[in-house]
């Protein structure tokens, strides 16, 4: 790969990163409108044991926070979008 081509590729790739980072996940579904937004759902998930956050999405009328716990196990926390109550915590 030539240096000019590599530089152009790196510039285009890095220029797109902030846009990707600022684009919210398609989780802001009408099903999860209420008192709890995506950021608060992620915070509640962390409080419930998610240490390495992988995904926050609205699924079946509830927030699902997925990631890993302190022991490295997969964890999913389901959260009520109206009041932030933890509905269920699953660890694999």
Protein backbone atom coordinates (compact mmCIF):
# COMPACT_ATOMS: atom_id res chain seq x y z
CA UNK A 1 0.00 0.00 0.00
CA UNK A 2 1.44 3.35 -1.00
CA UNK A 3 1.89 6.03 1.61
CA UNK A 4 -0.53 8.52 -0.02
CA UNK A 5 -3.21 5.82 -0.34
CA UNK A 6 -2.65 4.64 3.24
CA UNK A 7 -2.85 8.22 4.53
CA UNK A 8 -6.07 8.86 2.59
CA UNK A 9 -7.59 5.61 3.87
CA UNK A 10 -6.62 6.41 7.48
CA UNK A 11 -8.05 9.93 7.16
CA UNK A 12 -11.36 8.67 5.79
CA UNK A 13 -11.56 5.89 8.37
CA UNK A 14 -10.77 8.16 11.31
CA UNK A 15 -13.04 10.91 10.01
CA UNK A 16 -15.98 8.51 10.13
CA UNK A 17 -15.32 7.38 13.68
CA UNK A 18 -16.77 10.40 15.50
CA UNK A 19 -19.96 10.11 13.48
CA UNK A 20 -20.28 6.44 14.39
CA UNK A 21 -19.56 7.18 18.03
CA UNK A 22 -22.20 9.92 18.15
CA UNK A 23 -24.91 7.91 16.44
CA UNK A 24 -27.18 6.50 19.14
CA UNK A 25 -28.18 2.85 18.90
CA UNK A 26 -31.58 2.13 17.43
CA UNK A 27 -32.72 1.53 20.99
CA UNK A 28 -34.76 4.68 21.43
CA UNK A 29 -37.90 2.77 20.59
CA UNK A 30 -41.35 4.03 21.46
CA UNK A 31 -41.69 0.97 23.68
CA UNK A 32 -39.02 2.34 26.04
CA UNK A 33 -40.12 5.93 26.31
CA UNK A 34 -40.73 6.89 29.88
CA UNK A 35 -38.71 7.96 32.85
CA UNK A 36 -35.61 5.94 31.93
CA UNK A 37 -33.50 6.80 28.88
CA UNK A 38 -30.69 4.76 27.33
CA UNK A 39 -27.95 6.39 29.44
CA UNK A 40 -29.82 5.81 32.71
CA UNK A 41 -30.55 2.20 31.67
CA UNK A 42 -26.81 1.65 31.16
CA UNK A 43 -26.12 3.15 34.59
CA UNK A 44 -28.72 0.89 36.23
CA UNK A 45 -27.17 -2.09 34.45
CA UNK A 46 -23.76 -1.19 35.87
CA UNK A 47 -25.27 -0.87 39.34
CA UNK A 48 -26.73 -4.37 38.87
CA UNK A 49 -23.32 -5.88 38.04
CA UNK A 50 -22.45 -5.14 34.41
CA UNK A 51 -18.80 -4.08 34.42
CA UNK A 52 -18.02 -4.42 30.70
CA UNK A 53 -20.96 -2.94 28.83
CA UNK A 54 -21.56 -4.45 25.39
CA UNK A 55 -25.06 -3.39 24.39
CA UNK A 56 -28.08 -1.44 25.58
CA UNK A 57 -31.26 -1.82 23.58
CA UNK A 58 -35.01 -1.64 23.84
CA UNK A 59 -36.47 -5.10 23.32
CA UNK A 60 -40.02 -6.27 24.03
CA UNK A 61 -40.94 -3.13 25.96
CA UNK A 62 -37.96 -3.17 28.33
CA UNK A 63 -34.36 -2.04 28.36
CA UNK A 64 -31.85 -4.88 27.98
CA UNK A 65 -28.32 -4.16 29.17
CA UNK A 66 -25.78 -6.78 28.09
CA UNK A 67 -22.12 -7.26 28.88
CA UNK A 68 -19.85 -9.05 31.33
CA UNK A 69 -19.70 -9.04 35.11
CA UNK A 70 -16.62 -8.70 37.34
CA UNK A 71 -15.90 -12.44 36.97
CA UNK A 72 -16.01 -12.22 33.17
CA UNK A 73 -19.34 -14.03 32.83
CA UNK A 74 -21.97 -12.82 30.38
CA UNK A 75 -24.73 -10.87 32.07
CA UNK A 76 -28.03 -9.42 30.88
CA UNK A 77 -30.13 -7.06 32.97
CA UNK A 78 -33.75 -6.29 32.02
CA UNK A 79 -35.02 -2.90 33.21
CA UNK A 80 -38.49 -1.40 33.34
CA UNK A 81 -38.40 1.77 31.17
CA UNK A 82 -40.96 3.59 33.31
CA UNK A 83 -39.35 3.41 36.76
CA UNK A 84 -35.90 1.82 36.31
CA UNK A 85 -36.76 -1.27 38.33
CA UNK A 86 -34.55 -4.30 37.56
CA UNK A 87 -36.93 -6.93 36.24
CA UNK A 88 -34.47 -9.77 35.74
CA UNK A 89 -30.75 -10.50 35.82
CA UNK A 90 -29.33 -13.45 33.88
CA UNK A 91 -25.73 -14.66 34.06
CA UNK A 92 -24.19 -17.32 31.84
